[in-house]
N, C-alpha and C. Protein backbone atom coordinates (compact mmCIF):
# COMPACT_ATOMS: atom_id res chain seq x y z
N MET A 1 113.02 98.37 130.65
CA MET A 1 114.35 98.79 130.99
C MET A 1 114.49 100.29 130.66
N LYS A 2 114.96 101.04 131.65
CA LYS A 2 115.13 102.47 131.48
C LYS A 2 116.53 102.78 130.96
N LEU A 3 116.55 103.73 130.09
CA LEU A 3 117.83 104.18 129.56
C LEU A 3 118.31 105.34 130.44
N ARG A 4 119.49 105.17 131.01
CA ARG A 4 120.04 106.23 131.87
C ARG A 4 121.00 107.09 131.07
N LEU A 5 120.73 108.35 131.10
CA LEU A 5 121.61 109.30 130.43
C LEU A 5 122.69 109.76 131.41
N PRO A 6 123.90 109.95 130.95
CA PRO A 6 124.94 110.44 131.87
C PRO A 6 124.63 111.86 132.33
N LYS A 7 125.04 112.13 133.56
CA LYS A 7 124.82 113.47 134.10
C LYS A 7 125.70 114.47 133.35
N ARG A 8 125.14 115.60 133.11
CA ARG A 8 125.90 116.67 132.45
C ARG A 8 126.66 117.47 133.48
N HIS A 9 127.87 117.79 133.13
CA HIS A 9 128.67 118.64 134.01
C HIS A 9 128.23 120.08 133.78
N SER A 10 127.96 120.75 134.83
CA SER A 10 127.52 122.13 134.67
C SER A 10 128.70 123.04 134.35
N ALA A 11 128.40 124.12 133.74
CA ALA A 11 129.45 125.09 133.38
C ALA A 11 130.05 125.72 134.62
N ALA A 12 129.27 125.78 135.70
CA ALA A 12 129.77 126.38 136.93
C ALA A 12 130.91 125.54 137.51
N ASN A 13 130.79 124.22 137.43
CA ASN A 13 131.86 123.36 137.93
C ASN A 13 133.14 123.54 137.12
N MET A 14 133.00 123.62 135.82
CA MET A 14 134.17 123.81 134.97
C MET A 14 134.79 125.18 135.21
N GLU A 15 133.95 126.17 135.41
CA GLU A 15 134.46 127.52 135.67
C GLU A 15 135.20 127.56 137.00
N ALA A 16 134.66 126.90 138.03
CA ALA A 16 135.32 126.86 139.33
C ALA A 16 136.67 126.13 139.23
N LEU A 17 136.71 125.07 138.45
CA LEU A 17 137.95 124.34 138.25
C LEU A 17 138.99 125.21 137.54
N LEU A 18 138.56 125.94 136.53
CA LEU A 18 139.46 126.82 135.80
C LEU A 18 139.98 127.95 136.69
N VAL A 19 139.11 128.52 137.50
CA VAL A 19 139.52 129.59 138.42
C VAL A 19 140.54 129.05 139.42
N HIS A 20 140.30 127.86 139.95
CA HIS A 20 141.23 127.25 140.90
C HIS A 20 142.58 127.00 140.24
N PHE A 21 142.56 126.46 139.01
CA PHE A 21 143.81 126.18 138.30
C PHE A 21 144.60 127.46 138.04
N CYS A 22 143.92 128.51 137.59
CA CYS A 22 144.60 129.78 137.29
C CYS A 22 145.15 130.42 138.57
N ALA A 23 144.41 130.32 139.66
CA ALA A 23 144.88 130.89 140.92
C ALA A 23 146.12 130.15 141.42
N SER A 24 146.11 128.83 141.32
CA SER A 24 147.28 128.07 141.77
C SER A 24 148.49 128.34 140.87
N LEU A 25 148.26 128.49 139.58
CA LEU A 25 149.35 128.83 138.66
C LEU A 25 149.90 130.23 138.97
N ASP A 26 149.02 131.16 139.29
CA ASP A 26 149.44 132.51 139.61
C ASP A 26 150.28 132.54 140.89
N ARG A 27 149.90 131.72 141.87
CA ARG A 27 150.67 131.65 143.12
C ARG A 27 152.03 131.01 142.92
N SER A 28 152.18 130.15 141.93
CA SER A 28 153.43 129.43 141.74
C SER A 28 154.42 130.16 140.82
N LEU A 29 154.04 131.29 140.24
CA LEU A 29 154.93 131.99 139.31
C LEU A 29 156.27 132.40 139.93
N PRO A 30 156.31 132.95 141.14
CA PRO A 30 157.62 133.31 141.70
C PRO A 30 158.54 132.09 141.88
N THR A 31 157.97 130.96 142.28
CA THR A 31 158.76 129.74 142.45
C THR A 31 159.27 129.24 141.10
N LEU A 32 158.40 129.26 140.10
CA LEU A 32 158.82 128.84 138.76
C LEU A 32 159.90 129.76 138.21
N ARG A 33 159.75 131.05 138.44
CA ARG A 33 160.76 132.02 137.97
C ARG A 33 162.11 131.72 138.58
N THR A 34 162.14 131.50 139.89
CA THR A 34 163.40 131.21 140.58
C THR A 34 164.00 129.91 140.07
N PHE A 35 163.16 128.90 139.89
CA PHE A 35 163.64 127.61 139.39
C PHE A 35 164.29 127.76 138.02
N PHE A 36 163.63 128.45 137.11
CA PHE A 36 164.16 128.58 135.75
C PHE A 36 165.45 129.40 135.72
N ILE A 37 165.54 130.45 136.52
CA ILE A 37 166.76 131.26 136.53
C ILE A 37 167.92 130.46 137.11
N VAL A 38 167.70 129.78 138.23
CA VAL A 38 168.75 128.98 138.85
C VAL A 38 169.16 127.83 137.93
N ALA A 39 168.17 127.17 137.33
CA ALA A 39 168.49 126.07 136.41
C ALA A 39 169.27 126.58 135.20
N GLY A 40 168.95 127.78 134.73
CA GLY A 40 169.69 128.36 133.62
C GLY A 40 171.12 128.67 133.97
N VAL A 41 171.35 129.17 135.18
CA VAL A 41 172.72 129.48 135.62
C VAL A 41 173.51 128.18 135.80
N ILE A 42 172.88 127.17 136.39
CA ILE A 42 173.57 125.89 136.56
C ILE A 42 173.87 125.26 135.20
N ALA A 43 172.92 125.33 134.29
CA ALA A 43 173.14 124.77 132.95
C ALA A 43 174.24 125.54 132.22
N ALA A 44 174.33 126.85 132.45
CA ALA A 44 175.40 127.63 131.82
C ALA A 44 176.75 127.23 132.39
N ALA A 45 176.80 126.95 133.70
CA ALA A 45 178.05 126.51 134.31
C ALA A 45 178.48 125.15 133.76
N ALA A 46 177.48 124.31 133.40
CA ALA A 46 177.78 123.00 132.83
C ALA A 46 178.01 123.08 131.33
N ARG A 47 177.90 124.28 130.75
CA ARG A 47 178.13 124.53 129.33
C ARG A 47 177.22 123.67 128.45
N THR A 48 175.90 123.77 128.69
CA THR A 48 174.96 122.98 127.90
C THR A 48 174.49 123.71 126.65
N GLY A 49 174.91 124.94 126.49
CA GLY A 49 174.59 125.68 125.26
C GLY A 49 173.18 126.26 125.26
N ILE A 50 172.40 125.91 124.25
CA ILE A 50 171.08 126.53 124.04
C ILE A 50 170.11 126.22 125.17
N CYS A 51 170.30 125.08 125.83
CA CYS A 51 169.41 124.70 126.93
C CYS A 51 169.50 125.73 128.07
N SER A 52 170.72 126.14 128.40
CA SER A 52 170.89 127.13 129.47
C SER A 52 170.27 128.47 129.08
N ASP A 53 170.42 128.85 127.82
CA ASP A 53 169.81 130.09 127.34
C ASP A 53 168.29 130.04 127.46
N PHE A 54 167.72 128.92 127.05
CA PHE A 54 166.27 128.77 127.12
C PHE A 54 165.77 128.87 128.56
N LEU A 55 166.42 128.16 129.48
CA LEU A 55 165.98 128.18 130.88
C LEU A 55 166.10 129.58 131.47
N PHE A 56 167.23 130.24 131.23
CA PHE A 56 167.44 131.56 131.81
C PHE A 56 166.47 132.59 131.24
N VAL A 57 166.27 132.57 129.93
CA VAL A 57 165.35 133.53 129.30
C VAL A 57 163.91 133.27 129.74
N THR A 58 163.55 132.02 129.94
CA THR A 58 162.21 131.71 130.46
C THR A 58 162.03 132.30 131.86
N GLY A 59 163.05 132.19 132.70
CA GLY A 59 162.99 132.80 134.03
C GLY A 59 162.86 134.32 133.95
N LEU A 60 163.59 134.92 133.02
CA LEU A 60 163.49 136.37 132.85
C LEU A 60 162.11 136.79 132.34
N LEU A 61 161.53 136.00 131.45
CA LEU A 61 160.18 136.32 130.96
C LEU A 61 159.15 136.20 132.08
N LEU A 62 159.31 135.21 132.94
CA LEU A 62 158.41 135.10 134.09
C LEU A 62 158.58 136.30 135.03
N GLN A 63 159.84 136.75 135.21
CA GLN A 63 160.07 137.94 136.03
C GLN A 63 159.40 139.15 135.42
N PHE A 64 159.49 139.29 134.10
CA PHE A 64 158.83 140.40 133.42
C PHE A 64 157.31 140.32 133.60
N ALA A 65 156.75 139.11 133.51
CA ALA A 65 155.31 138.94 133.69
C ALA A 65 154.88 139.34 135.09
N ILE A 66 155.68 138.98 136.09
CA ILE A 66 155.36 139.35 137.48
C ILE A 66 155.43 140.87 137.64
N TRP A 67 156.49 141.47 137.09
CA TRP A 67 156.62 142.92 137.20
C TRP A 67 155.47 143.62 136.49
N PHE A 68 155.11 143.16 135.30
CA PHE A 68 154.05 143.80 134.53
C PHE A 68 152.71 143.69 135.25
N GLU A 69 152.42 142.54 135.83
CA GLU A 69 151.17 142.39 136.57
C GLU A 69 151.13 143.35 137.76
N HIS A 70 152.25 143.46 138.47
CA HIS A 70 152.33 144.38 139.61
C HIS A 70 152.13 145.82 139.14
N TRP A 71 152.80 146.21 138.07
CA TRP A 71 152.67 147.56 137.53
C TRP A 71 151.24 147.83 137.07
N TRP A 72 150.64 146.87 136.39
CA TRP A 72 149.28 147.03 135.87
C TRP A 72 148.27 147.20 137.00
N MET A 73 148.42 146.43 138.05
CA MET A 73 147.49 146.51 139.18
C MET A 73 147.67 147.83 139.94
N GLN A 74 148.90 148.29 140.07
CA GLN A 74 149.14 149.56 140.73
C GLN A 74 148.53 150.69 139.92
N LYS A 75 148.67 150.63 138.62
CA LYS A 75 148.13 151.67 137.73
C LYS A 75 146.60 151.70 137.84
N ARG A 76 145.98 150.54 137.96
CA ARG A 76 144.51 150.46 138.02
C ARG A 76 143.97 150.97 139.35
N THR A 77 144.72 150.84 140.44
CA THR A 77 144.21 151.23 141.75
C THR A 77 144.44 152.71 142.04
N ARG A 78 145.23 153.39 141.23
CA ARG A 78 145.47 154.82 141.48
C ARG A 78 144.29 155.65 141.10
């Protein structure tokens, strides 16, 4: 009886998966930003307190991240 060892996952497959995940997350940032800002405004209208603050500030932080990435890339290409 032969003992079968499980196949090892190569690092290239994991790297490709990570690259795909990061690229999809990067593409979804504007949508997430809009969702968090709108949800924060709606939560503020419903007077939910700290929840609305958290949602709105998260949207603003995502906006800052988008702006910073754009600024950084422009600075690098000059």
